[in-house]
Amino acid sequence: MGVLKDLKIADLEKELRATKDEAAQRLIDMNGEKQEIAQDAKVSAAIAMYKIQLQMAAEAQDPAFDKSSWDVEGWKARLAELEDEDEAEDIPMLEGGDAEKDQGGEAGGDGAVKV
C-alpha cells in the first residue's frame, strides 16, 4: 500500500514540475511576443515619422509654402520619444529654415517627392 502511495506522489510531483515548466515557457513566449509587438509599433511609428519628414522636406523646397503652420515643437517632442533628444534637435528641416538657404542654392524644381 505504501509503495502505491509513493508512486502516486512521485507521479504527481513529476506532473507538477511539467506544469510549472510549461507555465514558465508560456511566460517567456508571451514576453517575447510582447517585446516583438512593441518593437513593431516603434518601427511603424518611425516609418510614419520619416514619411512625414519627407513630405515636410518636399514642402520646404517650395518657396511659396508657408512654414509657419508647422508644429516644430510638437514634432521635436515626438521625435524625442523615438530617438535621443540630441538627434531630434539636429534635424535642420524642423528648424523652419528655408531649404534653399540651407542647401546654398536652388531647391531643385519639380523633382520633389510627394508622400
PDB file of N, CA and C in Angstrom:
ATOM      1  N   MET A   1       0.813  -1.185   0.000  1.00  0.00           N
ATOM      2  CA  MET A   1       0.000   0.000   0.000  1.00  0.00           C
ATOM      3  C   MET A   1       0.865   1.261   0.000  1.00  0.00           C
ATOM      4  N   GLY A   2       1.946   1.258   0.827  1.00  0.00           N
ATOM      5  CA  GLY A   2       2.834   2.411   0.900  1.00  0.00           C
ATOM      6  C   GLY A   2       3.579   2.655  -0.392  1.00  0.00           C
ATOM      7  N   VAL A   3       3.855   1.576  -1.141  1.00  0.00           N
ATOM      8  CA  VAL A   3       4.558   1.703  -2.422  1.00  0.00           C
ATOM      9  C   VAL A   3       3.666   2.405  -3.436  1.00  0.00           C
ATOM     10  N   LEU A   4       2.391   2.096  -3.454  1.00  0.00           N
ATOM     11  CA  LEU A   4       1.461   2.746  -4.373  1.00  0.00           C
ATOM     12  C   LEU A   4       1.344   4.241  -4.074  1.00  0.00           C
ATOM     13  N   LYS A   5       1.328   4.585  -2.775  1.00  0.00           N
ATOM     14  CA  LYS A   5       1.276   6.000  -2.406  1.00  0.00           C
ATOM     15  C   LYS A   5       2.529   6.721  -2.887  1.00  0.00           C
ATOM     16  N   ASP A   6       3.675   6.104  -2.696  1.00  0.00           N
ATOM     17  CA  ASP A   6       4.940   6.722  -3.121  1.00  0.00           C
ATOM     18  C   ASP A   6       4.982   6.909  -4.638  1.00  0.00           C
ATOM     19  N   LEU A   7       4.488   5.918  -5.377  1.00  0.00           N
ATOM     20  CA  LEU A   7       4.439   6.027  -6.837  1.00  0.00           C
ATOM     21  C   LEU A   7       3.477   7.139  -7.267  1.00  0.00           C
ATOM     22  N   LYS A   8       2.333   7.212  -6.609  1.00  0.00           N
ATOM     23  CA  LYS A   8       1.340   8.252  -6.931  1.00  0.00           C
ATOM     24  C   LYS A   8       1.912   9.639  -6.616  1.00  0.00           C
ATOM     25  N   ILE A   9       2.595   9.786  -5.475  1.00  0.00           N
ATOM     26  CA  ILE A   9       3.211  11.072  -5.104  1.00  0.00           C
ATOM     27  C   ILE A   9       4.284  11.448  -6.111  1.00  0.00           C
ATOM     28  N   ALA A  10       5.117  10.505  -6.499  1.00  0.00           N
ATOM     29  CA  ALA A  10       6.175  10.764  -7.478  1.00  0.00           C
ATOM     30  C   ALA A  10       5.577  11.183  -8.816  1.00  0.00           C
ATOM     31  N   ASP A  11       4.495  10.502  -9.205  1.00  0.00           N
ATOM     32  CA  ASP A  11       3.820  10.829 -10.461  1.00  0.00           C
ATOM     33  C   ASP A  11       3.221  12.240 -10.412  1.00  0.00           C
ATOM     34  N   LEU A  12       2.592  12.582  -9.299  1.00  0.00           N
ATOM     35  CA  LEU A  12       2.009  13.925  -9.154  1.00  0.00           C
ATOM     36  C   LEU A  12       3.091  15.000  -9.114  1.00  0.00           C
ATOM     37  N   GLU A  13       4.217  14.734  -8.452  1.00  0.00           N
ATOM     38  CA  GLU A  13       5.317  15.701  -8.416  1.00  0.00           C
ATOM     39  C   GLU A  13       5.908  15.910  -9.812  1.00  0.00           C
ATOM     40  N   LYS A  14       6.007  14.823 -10.567  1.00  0.00           N
ATOM     41  CA  LYS A  14       6.507  14.927 -11.946  1.00  0.00           C
ATOM     42  C   LYS A  14       5.549  15.769 -12.795  1.00  0.00           C
ATOM     43  N   GLU A  15       4.262  15.533 -12.637  1.00  0.00           N
ATOM     44  CA  GLU A  15       3.248  16.290 -13.369  1.00  0.00           C
ATOM     45  C   GLU A  15       3.283  17.774 -12.973  1.00  0.00           C
ATOM     46  N   LEU A  16       3.480  18.030 -11.681  1.00  0.00           N
ATOM     47  CA  LEU A  16       3.571  19.408 -11.190  1.00  0.00           C
ATOM     48  C   LEU A  16       4.780  20.128 -11.789  1.00  0.00           C
ATOM     49  N   ARG A  17       5.925  19.457 -11.828  1.00  0.00           N
ATOM     50  CA  ARG A  17       7.130  20.054 -12.432  1.00  0.00           C
ATOM     51  C   ARG A  17       6.909  20.355 -13.912  1.00  0.00           C
ATOM     52  N   ALA A  18       6.275  19.418 -14.609  1.00  0.00           N
ATOM     53  CA  ALA A  18       5.999  19.614 -16.034  1.00  0.00           C
ATOM     54  C   ALA A  18       5.065  20.801 -16.251  1.00  0.00           C
ATOM     55  N   THR A  19       4.052  20.922 -15.401  1.00  0.00           N
ATOM     56  CA  THR A  19       3.111  22.042 -15.500  1.00  0.00           C
ATOM     57  C   THR A  19       3.810  23.367 -15.209  1.00  0.00           C
ATOM     58  N   LYS A  20       4.671  23.377 -14.200  1.00  0.00           N
ATOM     59  CA  LYS A  20       5.423  24.597 -13.882  1.00  0.00           C
ATOM     60  C   LYS A  20       6.362  24.972 -15.024  1.00  0.00           C
ATOM     61  N   ASP A  21       7.026  23.979 -15.601  1.00  0.00           N
ATOM     62  CA  ASP A  21       7.918  24.246 -16.736  1.00  0.00           C
ATOM     63  C   ASP A  21       7.138  24.796 -17.934  1.00  0.00           C
ATOM     64  N   GLU A  22       5.968  24.223 -18.179  1.00  0.00           N
ATOM     65  CA  GLU A  22       5.130  24.698 -19.286  1.00  0.00           C
ATOM     66  C   GLU A  22       4.669  26.136 -19.049  1.00  0.00           C
ATOM     67  N   ALA A  23       4.273  26.429 -17.817  1.00  0.00           N
ATOM     68  CA  ALA A  23       3.834  27.788 -17.478  1.00  0.00           C
ATOM     69  C   ALA A  23       4.987  28.780 -17.628  1.00  0.00           C
ATOM     70  N   ALA A  24       6.167  28.404 -17.196  1.00  0.00           N
ATOM     71  CA  ALA A  24       7.338  29.281 -17.330  1.00  0.00           C
ATOM     72  C   ALA A  24       7.651  29.523 -18.804  1.00  0.00           C
ATOM     73  N   GLN A  25       7.559  28.470 -19.618  1.00  0.00           N
ATOM     74  CA  GLN A  25       7.827  28.613 -21.055  1.00  0.00           C
ATOM     75  C   GLN A  25       6.794  29.526 -21.712  1.00  0.00           C
ATOM     76  N   ARG A  26       5.537  29.402 -21.304  1.00  0.00           N
ATOM     77  CA  ARG A  26       4.490  30.278 -21.851  1.00  0.00           C
ATOM     78  C   ARG A  26       4.748  31.742 -21.479  1.00  0.00           C
ATOM     79  N   LEU A  27       5.190  31.983 -20.247  1.00  0.00           N
ATOM     80  CA  LEU A  27       5.514  33.348 -19.828  1.00  0.00           C
ATOM     81  C   LEU A  27       6.661  33.909 -20.659  1.00  0.00           C
ATOM     82  N   ILE A  28       7.662  33.081 -20.904  1.00  0.00           N
ATOM     83  CA  ILE A  28       8.800  33.515 -21.727  1.00  0.00           C
ATOM     84  C   ILE A  28       8.335  33.833 -23.138  1.00  0.00           C
ATOM     85  N   ASP A  29       7.492  32.961 -23.699  1.00  0.00           N
ATOM     86  CA  ASP A  29       6.974  33.188 -25.048  1.00  0.00           C
ATOM     87  C   ASP A  29       6.130  34.458 -25.117  1.00  0.00           C
ATOM     88  N   MET A  30       5.280  34.667 -24.115  1.00  0.00           N
ATOM     89  CA  MET A  30       4.430  35.866 -24.105  1.00  0.00           C
ATOM     90  C   MET A  30       5.281  37.128 -23.972  1.00  0.00           C
ATOM     91  N   ASN A  31       6.325  37.074 -23.167  1.00  0.00           N
ATOM     92  CA  ASN A  31       7.205  38.226 -23.014  1.00  0.00           C
ATOM     93  C   ASN A  31       7.908  38.533 -24.336  1.00  0.00           C
ATOM     94  N   GLY A  32       8.336  37.485 -25.026  1.00  0.00           N
ATOM     95  CA  GLY A  32       8.976  37.676 -26.331  1.00  0.00           C
ATOM     96  C   GLY A  32       8.017  38.287 -27.337  1.00  0.00           C
ATOM     97  N   GLU A  33       6.770  37.802 -27.340  1.00  0.00           N
ATOM     98  CA  GLU A  33       5.763  38.350 -28.244  1.00  0.00           C
ATOM     99  C   GLU A  33       5.472  39.811 -27.905  1.00  0.00           C
ATOM    100  N   LYS A  34       5.405  40.101 -26.613  1.00  0.00           N
ATOM    101  CA  LYS A  34       5.151  41.476 -26.172  1.00  0.00           C
ATOM    102  C   LYS A  34       6.277  42.399 -26.655  1.00  0.00           C
ATOM    103  N   GLN A  35       7.513  41.956 -26.513  1.00  0.00           N
ATOM    104  CA  GLN A  35       8.639  42.772 -26.961  1.00  0.00           C
ATOM    105  C   GLN A  35       8.628  42.933 -28.475  1.00  0.00           C
ATOM    106  N   GLU A  36       8.258  41.881 -29.193  1.00  0.00           N
ATOM    107  CA  GLU A  36       8.187  41.951 -30.648  1.00  0.00           C
ATOM    108  C   GLU A  36       7.102  42.937 -31.096  1.00  0.00           C
ATOM    109  N   ILE A  37       5.960  42.909 -30.434  1.00  0.00           N
ATOM    110  CA  ILE A  37       4.868  43.830 -30.762  1.00  0.00           C
ATOM    111  C   ILE A  37       5.292  45.270 -30.488  1.00  0.00           C
ATOM    112  N   ALA A  38       5.955  45.483 -29.356  1.00  0.00           N
ATOM    113  CA  ALA A  38       6.423  46.830 -29.017  1.00  0.00           C
ATOM    114  C   ALA A  38       7.439  47.310 -30.041  1.00  0.00           C
ATOM    115  N   GLN A  39       8.338  46.438 -30.460  1.00  0.00           N
ATOM    116  CA  GLN A  39       9.339  46.810 -31.465  1.00  0.00           C
ATOM    117  C   GLN A  39       8.675  47.126 -32.803  1.00  0.00           C
ATOM    118  N   ASP A  40       7.687  46.302 -33.196  1.00  0.00           N
ATOM    119  CA  ASP A  40       6.958  46.557 -34.439  1.00  0.00           C
ATOM    120  C   ASP A  40       6.240  47.905 -34.389  1.00  0.00           C
ATOM    121  N   ALA A  41       5.669  48.237 -33.241  1.00  0.00           N
ATOM    122  CA  ALA A  41       4.983  49.521 -33.090  1.00  0.00           C
ATOM    123  C   ALA A  41       5.975  50.673 -33.220  1.00  0.00           C
ATOM    124  N   LYS A  42       7.163  50.522 -32.636  1.00  0.00           N
ATOM    125  CA  LYS A  42       8.186  51.563 -32.754  1.00  0.00           C
ATOM    126  C   LYS A  42       8.624  51.731 -34.203  1.00  0.00           C
ATOM    127  N   VAL A  43       8.795  50.611 -34.901  1.00  0.00           N
ATOM    128  CA  VAL A  43       9.203  50.672 -36.309  1.00  0.00           C
ATOM    129  C   VAL A  43       8.120  51.356 -37.142  1.00  0.00           C
ATOM    130  N   SER A  44       6.862  50.998 -36.894  1.00  0.00           N
ATOM    131  CA  SER A  44       5.755  51.623 -37.631  1.00  0.00           C
ATOM    132  C   SER A  44       5.699  53.124 -37.361  1.00  0.00           C
ATOM    133  N   ALA A  45       5.890  53.514 -36.112  1.00  0.00           N
ATOM    134  CA  ALA A  45       5.881  54.935 -35.764  1.00  0.00           C
ATOM    135  C   ALA A  45       7.047  55.653 -36.428  1.00  0.00           C
ATOM    136  N   ALA A  46       8.209  55.032 -36.450  1.00  0.00           N
ATOM    137  CA  ALA A  46       9.382  55.644 -37.078  1.00  0.00           C
ATOM    138  C   ALA A  46       9.160  55.805 -38.573  1.00  0.00           C
ATOM    139  N   ILE A  47       8.577  54.799 -39.206  1.00  0.00           N
ATOM    140  CA  ILE A  47       8.298  54.888 -40.646  1.00  0.00           C
ATOM    141  C   ILE A  47       7.333  56.033 -40.922  1.00  0.00           C
ATOM    142  N   ALA A  48       6.292  56.148 -40.116  1.00  0.00           N
ATOM    143  CA  ALA A  48       5.329  57.236 -40.295  1.00  0.00           C
ATOM    144  C   ALA A  48       6.007  58.590 -40.125  1.00  0.00           C
ATOM    145  N   MET A  49       6.875  58.704 -39.117  1.00  0.00           N
ATOM    146  CA  MET A  49       7.584  59.967 -38.887  1.00  0.00           C
ATOM    147  C   MET A  49       8.484  60.300 -40.066  1.00  0.00           C
ATOM    148  N   TYR A  50       9.183  59.295 -40.600  1.00  0.00           N
ATOM    149  CA  TYR A  50      10.076  59.552 -41.732  1.00  0.00           C
ATOM    150  C   TYR A  50       9.300  59.934 -42.989  1.00  0.00           C
ATOM    151  N   LYS A  51       8.122  59.342 -43.188  1.00  0.00           N
ATOM    152  CA  LYS A  51       7.281  59.731 -44.328  1.00  0.00           C
ATOM    153  C   LYS A  51       6.862  61.191 -44.190  1.00  0.00           C
ATOM    154  N   ILE A  52       6.492  61.560 -42.977  1.00  0.00           N
ATOM    155  CA  ILE A  52       6.097  62.951 -42.741  1.00  0.00           C
ATOM    156  C   ILE A  52       7.293  63.875 -42.923  1.00  0.00           C
ATOM    157  N   GLN A  53       8.467  63.446 -42.492  1.00  0.00           N
ATOM    158  CA  GLN A  53       9.673  64.257 -42.684  1.00  0.00           C
ATOM    159  C   GLN A  53       9.966  64.450 -44.171  1.00  0.00           C
ATOM    160  N   LEU A  54       9.761  63.393 -44.963  1.00  0.00           N
ATOM    161  CA  LEU A  54       9.963  63.519 -46.410  1.00  0.00           C
ATOM    162  C   LEU A  54       8.977  64.519 -47.006  1.00  0.00           C
ATOM    163  N   GLN A  55       7.738  64.442 -46.556  1.00  0.00           N
ATOM    164  CA  GLN A  55       6.725  65.383 -47.035  1.00  0.00           C
ATOM    165  C   GLN A  55       7.098  66.809 -46.635  1.00  0.00           C
ATOM    166  N   MET A  56       7.559  66.968 -45.397  1.00  0.00           N
ATOM    167  CA  MET A  56       7.943  68.297 -44.938  1.00  0.00           C
ATOM    168  C   MET A  56       9.161  68.807 -45.710  1.00  0.00           C
ATOM    169  N   ALA A  57      10.085  67.914 -46.040  1.00  0.00           N
ATOM    170  CA  ALA A  57      11.257  68.311 -46.814  1.00  0.00           C
ATOM    171  C   ALA A  57      10.831  68.767 -48.208  1.00  0.00           C
ATOM    172  N   ALA A  58       9.879  68.048 -48.797  1.00  0.00           N
ATOM    173  CA  ALA A  58       9.379  68.445 -50.121  1.00  0.00           C
ATOM    174  C   ALA A  58       8.679  69.799 -50.030  1.00  0.00           C
ATOM    175  N   GLU A  59       7.910  70.011 -48.980  1.00  0.00           N
ATOM    176  CA  GLU A  59       7.235  71.294 -48.796  1.00  0.00           C
ATOM    177  C   GLU A  59       8.248  72.409 -48.550  1.00  0.00           C
ATOM    178  N   ALA A  60       9.319  72.087 -47.849  1.00  0.00           N
ATOM    179  CA  ALA A  60      10.337  73.094 -47.544  1.00  0.00           C
ATOM    180  C   ALA A  60      11.034  73.568 -48.817  1.00  0.00           C
ATOM    181  N   GLN A  61      11.060  72.715 -49.841  1.00  0.00           N
ATOM    182  CA  GLN A  61      11.696  73.111 -51.100  1.00  0.00           C
ATOM    183  C   GLN A  61      10.814  74.068 -51.899  1.00  0.00           C
ATOM    184  N   ASP A  62       9.540  74.134 -51.582  1.00  0.00           N
ATOM    185  CA  ASP A  62       8.619  75.020 -52.278  1.00  0.00           C
ATOM    186  C   ASP A  62       8.715  76.408 -51.648  1.00  0.00           C
ATOM    187  N   PRO A  63       9.233  77.406 -52.391  1.00  0.00           N
ATOM    188  CA  PRO A  63       9.406  78.739 -51.808  1.00  0.00           C
ATOM    189  C   PRO A  63       8.080  79.414 -51.447  1.00  0.00           C
ATOM    190  N   ALA A  64       6.966  78.979 -52.017  1.00  0.00           N
ATOM    191  CA  ALA A  64       5.674  79.602 -51.748  1.00  0.00           C
ATOM    192  C   ALA A  64       4.977  78.972 -50.535  1.00  0.00           C
ATOM    193  N   PHE A  65       5.514  77.890 -49.995  1.00  0.00           N
ATOM    194  CA  PHE A  65       4.863  77.198 -48.889  1.00  0.00           C
ATOM    195  C   PHE A  65       5.081  77.961 -47.588  1.00  0.00           C
ATOM    196  N   ASP A  66       4.014  78.115 -46.803  1.00  0.00           N
ATOM    197  CA  ASP A  66       4.078  78.827 -45.526  1.00  0.00           C
ATOM    198  C   ASP A  66       4.481  77.855 -44.422  1.00  0.00           C
ATOM    199  N   LYS A  67       5.716  77.950 -43.966  1.00  0.00           N
ATOM    200  CA  LYS A  67       6.247  77.038 -42.956  1.00  0.00           C
ATOM    201  C   LYS A  67       5.814  77.407 -41.543  1.00  0.00           C
ATOM    202  N   SER A  68       5.161  78.540 -41.376  1.00  0.00           N
ATOM    203  CA  SER A  68       4.742  78.944 -40.032  1.00  0.00           C
ATOM    204  C   SER A  68       3.643  78.034 -39.477  1.00  0.00           C
ATOM    205  N   SER A  69       2.991  77.248 -40.336  1.00  0.00           N
ATOM    206  CA  SER A  69       1.943  76.351 -39.872  1.00  0.00           C
ATOM    207  C   SER A  69       2.493  75.060 -39.268  1.00  0.00           C
ATOM    208  N   TRP A  70       3.790  74.828 -39.389  1.00  0.00           N
ATOM    209  CA  TRP A  70       4.397  73.613 -38.841  1.00  0.00           C
ATOM    210  C   TRP A  70       4.469  73.689 -37.328  1.00  0.00           C
ATOM    211  N   ASP A  71       4.143  72.594 -36.689  1.00  0.00           N
ATOM    212  CA  ASP A  71       4.248  72.479 -35.236  1.00  0.00           C
ATOM    213  C   ASP A  71       5.631  71.913 -34.905  1.00  0.00           C
ATOM    214  N   VAL A  72       6.626  72.771 -34.932  1.00  0.00           N
ATOM    215  CA  VAL A  72       8.014  72.357 -34.769  1.00  0.00           C
ATOM    216  C   VAL A  72       8.242  71.721 -33.397  1.00  0.00           C
ATOM    217  N   GLU A  73       7.753  72.329 -32.361  1.00  0.00           N
ATOM    218  CA  GLU A  73       7.977  71.791 -31.016  1.00  0.00           C
ATOM    219  C   GLU A  73       7.273  70.443 -30.832  1.00  0.00           C
ATOM    220  N   GLY A  74       6.098  70.311 -31.417  1.00  0.00           N
ATOM    221  CA  GLY A  74       5.385  69.035 -31.330  1.00  0.00           C
ATOM    222  C   GLY A  74       6.138  67.917 -32.016  1.00  0.00           C
ATOM    223  N   TRP A  75       6.722  68.224 -33.185  1.00  0.00           N
ATOM    224  CA  TRP A  75       7.493  67.202 -33.902  1.00  0.00           C
ATOM    225  C   TRP A  75       8.779  66.875 -33.150  1.00  0.00           C
ATOM    226  N   LYS A  76       9.395  67.867 -32.552  1.00  0.00           N
ATOM    227  CA  LYS A  76      10.598  67.590 -31.763  1.00  0.00           C
ATOM    228  C   LYS A  76      10.273  66.655 -30.604  1.00  0.00           C
ATOM    229  N   ALA A  77       9.132  66.883 -29.974  1.00  0.00           N
ATOM    230  CA  ALA A  77       8.723  66.026 -28.853  1.00  0.00           C
ATOM    231  C   ALA A  77       8.462  64.603 -29.329  1.00  0.00           C
ATOM    232  N   ARG A  78       7.794  64.467 -30.464  1.00  0.00           N
ATOM    233  CA  ARG A  78       7.518  63.125 -30.989  1.00  0.00           C
ATOM    234  C   ARG A  78       8.796  62.412 -31.397  1.00  0.00           C
ATOM    235  N   LEU A  79       9.718  63.131 -32.027  1.00  0.00           N
ATOM    236  CA  LEU A  79      10.996  62.537 -32.412  1.00  0.00           C
ATOM    237  C   LEU A  79      11.809  62.149 -31.186  1.00  0.00           C
ATOM    238  N   ALA A  80      11.741  62.948 -30.151  1.00  0.00           N
ATOM    239  CA  ALA A  80      12.498  62.657 -28.930  1.00  0.00           C
ATOM    240  C   ALA A  80      12.027  61.347 -28.301  1.00  0.00           C
ATOM    241  N   GLU A  81      10.762  61.009 -28.494  1.00  0.00           N
ATOM    242  CA  GLU A  81      10.256  59.744 -27.973  1.00  0.00           C
ATOM    243  C   GLU A  81      10.852  58.563 -28.714  1.00  0.00           C
ATOM    244  N   LEU A  82      11.150  58.738 -29.999  1.00  0.00           N
ATOM    245  CA  LEU A  82      11.687  57.653 -30.811  1.00  0.00           C
ATOM    246  C   LEU A  82      13.208  57.626 -30.825  1.00  0.00           C
ATOM    247  N   GLU A  83      13.809  58.783 -30.657  1.00  0.00           N
ATOM    248  CA  GLU A  83      15.263  58.892 -30.751  1.00  0.00           C
ATOM    249  C   GLU A  83      15.780  59.635 -29.535  1.00  0.00           C
ATOM    250  N   ASP A  84      17.077  59.783 -29.459  1.00  0.00           N
ATOM    251  CA  ASP A  84      17.666  60.608 -28.404  1.00  0.00           C
ATOM    252  C   ASP A  84      17.321  62.058 -28.667  1.00  0.00           C
ATOM    253  N   GLU A  85      17.227  62.866 -27.616  1.00  0.00           N
ATOM    254  CA  GLU A  85      16.864  64.271 -27.776  1.00  0.00           C
ATOM    255  C   GLU A  85      17.887  65.013 -28.640  1.00  0.00           C
ATOM    256  N   ASP A  86      19.153  64.675 -28.508  1.00  0.00           N
ATOM    257  CA  ASP A  86      20.185  65.347 -29.305  1.00  0.00           C
ATOM    258  C   ASP A  86      19.948  65.145 -30.787  1.00  0.00           C
ATOM    259  N   GLU A  87      19.566  63.942 -31.194  1.00  0.00           N
ATOM    260  CA  GLU A  87      19.316  63.671 -32.603  1.00  0.00           C
ATOM    261  C   GLU A  87      18.089  64.435 -33.087  1.00  0.00           C
ATOM    262  N   ALA A  88      17.067  64.553 -32.259  1.00  0.00           N
ATOM    263  CA  ALA A  88      15.855  65.264 -32.650  1.00  0.00           C
ATOM    264  C   ALA A  88      16.134  66.747 -32.863  1.00  0.00           C
ATOM    265  N   GLU A  89      17.047  67.314 -32.075  1.00  0.00           N
ATOM    266  CA  GLU A  89      17.357  68.736 -32.211  1.00  0.00           C
ATOM    267  C   GLU A  89      18.246  69.015 -33.421  1.00  0.00           C
ATOM    268  N   ASP A  90      18.945  68.010 -33.922  1.00  0.00           N
ATOM    269  CA  ASP A  90      19.871  68.215 -35.018  1.00  0.00           C
ATOM    270  C   ASP A  90      19.229  68.102 -36.392  1.00  0.00           C
ATOM    271  N   ILE A  91      17.941  67.924 -36.486  1.00  0.00           N
ATOM    272  CA  ILE A  91      17.283  67.801 -37.779  1.00  0.00           C
ATOM    273  C   ILE A  91      17.015  69.202 -38.306  1.00  0.00           C
ATOM    274  N   PRO A  92      17.729  69.628 -39.371  1.00  0.00           N
ATOM    275  CA  PRO A  92      17.632  71.005 -39.846  1.00  0.00           C
ATOM    276  C   PRO A  92      16.263  71.384 -40.391  1.00  0.00           C
ATOM    277  N   MET A  93      15.532  70.463 -41.003  1.00  0.00           N
ATOM    278  CA  MET A  93      14.254  70.845 -41.600  1.00  0.00           C
ATOM    279  C   MET A  93      13.213  71.170 -40.546  1.00  0.00           C
ATOM    280  N   LEU A  94      13.404  70.713 -39.308  1.00  0.00           N
ATOM    281  CA  LEU A  94      12.454  71.027 -38.261  1.00  0.00           C
ATOM    282  C   LEU A  94      12.659  72.417 -37.684  1.00  0.00           C
ATOM    283  N   GLU A  95      13.741  73.045 -38.024  1.00  0.00           N
ATOM    284  CA  GLU A  95      14.019  74.378 -37.515  1.00  0.00           C
ATOM    285  C   GLU A  95      13.220  75.439 -38.259  1.00  0.00           C
ATOM    286  N   GLY A  96      12.518  75.065 -39.330  1.00  0.00           N
ATOM    287  CA  GLY A  96      11.688  76.008 -40.066  1.00  0.00           C
ATOM    288  C   GLY A  96      12.496  76.889 -41.001  1.00  0.00           C
ATOM    289  N   GLY A  97      13.753  76.540 -41.225  1.00  0.00           N
ATOM    290  CA  GLY A  97      14.605  77.317 -42.118  1.00  0.00           C
ATOM    291  C   GLY A  97      14.247  77.077 -43.559  1.00  0.00           C
ATOM    292  N   ASP A  98      14.676  77.965 -44.418  1.00  0.00           N
ATOM    293  CA  ASP A  98      14.411  77.860 -45.841  1.00  0.00           C
ATOM    294  C   ASP A  98      15.342  76.814 -46.428  1.00  0.00           C
ATOM    295  N   ALA A  99      14.803  75.867 -47.181  1.00  0.00           N
ATOM    296  CA  ALA A  99      15.600  74.787 -47.756  1.00  0.00           C
ATOM    297  C   ALA A  99      16.617  75.334 -48.743  1.00  0.00           C
ATOM    298  N   GLU A 100      16.259  76.403 -49.472  1.00  0.00           N
ATOM    299  CA  GLU A 100      17.198  76.959 -50.435  1.00  0.00           C
ATOM    300  C   GLU A 100      18.407  77.544 -49.732  1.00  0.00           C
ATOM    301  N   LYS A 101      18.181  78.215 -48.612  1.00  0.00           N
ATOM    302  CA  LYS A 101      19.288  78.789 -47.856  1.00  0.00           C
ATOM    303  C   LYS A 101      20.138  77.694 -47.240  1.00  0.00           C
ATOM    304  N   ASP A 102      19.486  76.638 -46.709  1.00  0.00           N
ATOM    305  CA  ASP A 102      20.216  75.541 -46.082  1.00  0.00           C
ATOM    306  C   ASP A 102      21.066  74.785 -47.093  1.00  0.00           C
ATOM    307  N   GLN A 103      20.568  74.672 -48.341  1.00  0.00           N
ATOM    308  CA  GLN A 103      21.292  73.935 -49.358  1.00  0.00           C
ATOM    309  C   GLN A 103      22.264  74.825 -50.112  1.00  0.00           C
ATOM    310  N   GLY A 104      22.175  76.116 -49.918  1.00  0.00           N
ATOM    311  CA  GLY A 104      23.095  77.035 -50.564  1.00  0.00           C
ATOM    312  C   GLY A 104      22.800  77.275 -52.026  1.00  0.00           C
ATOM    313  N   GLY A 105      21.561  77.125 -52.456  1.00  0.00           N
ATOM    314  CA  GLY A 105      21.255  77.356 -53.865  1.00  0.00           C
ATOM    315  C   GLY A 105      19.828  77.003 -54.155  1.00  0.00           C
ATOM    316  N   GLU A 106      19.592  76.593 -55.417  1.00  0.00           N
ATOM    317  CA  GLU A 106      18.250  76.258 -55.854  1.00  0.00           C
ATOM    318  C   GLU A 106      17.782  74.970 -55.216  1.00  0.00           C
ATOM    319  N   ALA A 107      16.482  74.884 -54.971  1.00  0.00           N
ATOM    320  CA  ALA A 107      15.920  73.730 -54.287  1.00  0.00           C
ATOM    321  C   ALA A 107      15.681  72.557 -55.207  1.00  0.00           C
ATOM    322  N   GLY A 108      15.605  72.733 -56.497  1.00  0.00           N
ATOM    323  CA  GLY A 108      15.513  71.573 -57.376  1.00  0.00           C
ATOM    324  C   GLY A 108      14.245  71.488 -58.199  1.00  0.00           C
ATOM    325  N   GLY A 109      13.344  72.398 -58.166  1.00  0.00           N
ATOM    326  CA  GLY A 109      12.209  72.418 -59.074  1.00  0.00           C
ATOM    327  C   GLY A 109      11.168  71.373 -58.779  1.00  0.00           C
ATOM    328  N   ASP A 110      10.716  70.664 -59.846  1.00  0.00           N
ATOM    329  CA  ASP A 110       9.608  69.709 -59.744  1.00  0.00           C
ATOM    330  C   ASP A 110      10.040  68.321 -59.281  1.00  0.00           C
ATOM    331  N   GLY A 111      11.275  68.118 -58.948  1.00  0.00           N
ATOM    332  CA  GLY A 111      11.753  66.805 -58.555  1.00  0.00           C
ATOM    333  C   GLY A 111      11.435  66.443 -57.118  1.00  0.00           C
ATOM    334  N   ALA A 112      10.532  67.168 -56.470  1.00  0.00           N
ATOM    335  CA  ALA A 112      10.218  66.927 -55.062  1.00  0.00           C
ATOM    336  C   ALA A 112       9.433  65.626 -54.922  1.00  0.00           C
ATOM    337  N   VAL A 113       9.671  64.944 -53.836  1.00  0.00           N
ATOM    338  CA  VAL A 113       8.992  63.689 -53.550  1.00  0.00           C
ATOM    339  C   VAL A 113       7.694  63.992 -52.824  1.00  0.00           C
ATOM    340  N   LYS A 114       6.594  63.457 -53.302  1.00  0.00           N
ATOM    341  CA  LYS A 114       5.296  63.628 -52.649  1.00  0.00           C
ATOM    342  C   LYS A 114       4.932  62.335 -51.964  1.00  0.00           C
ATOM    343  N   VAL A 115       4.529  62.404 -50.708  1.00  0.00           N
ATOM    344  CA  VAL A 115       4.175  61.212 -49.935  1.00  0.00           C
ATOM    345  C   VAL A 115       2.687  61.171 -49.742  1.00  0.00           C
TER     346      VAL A 115
END
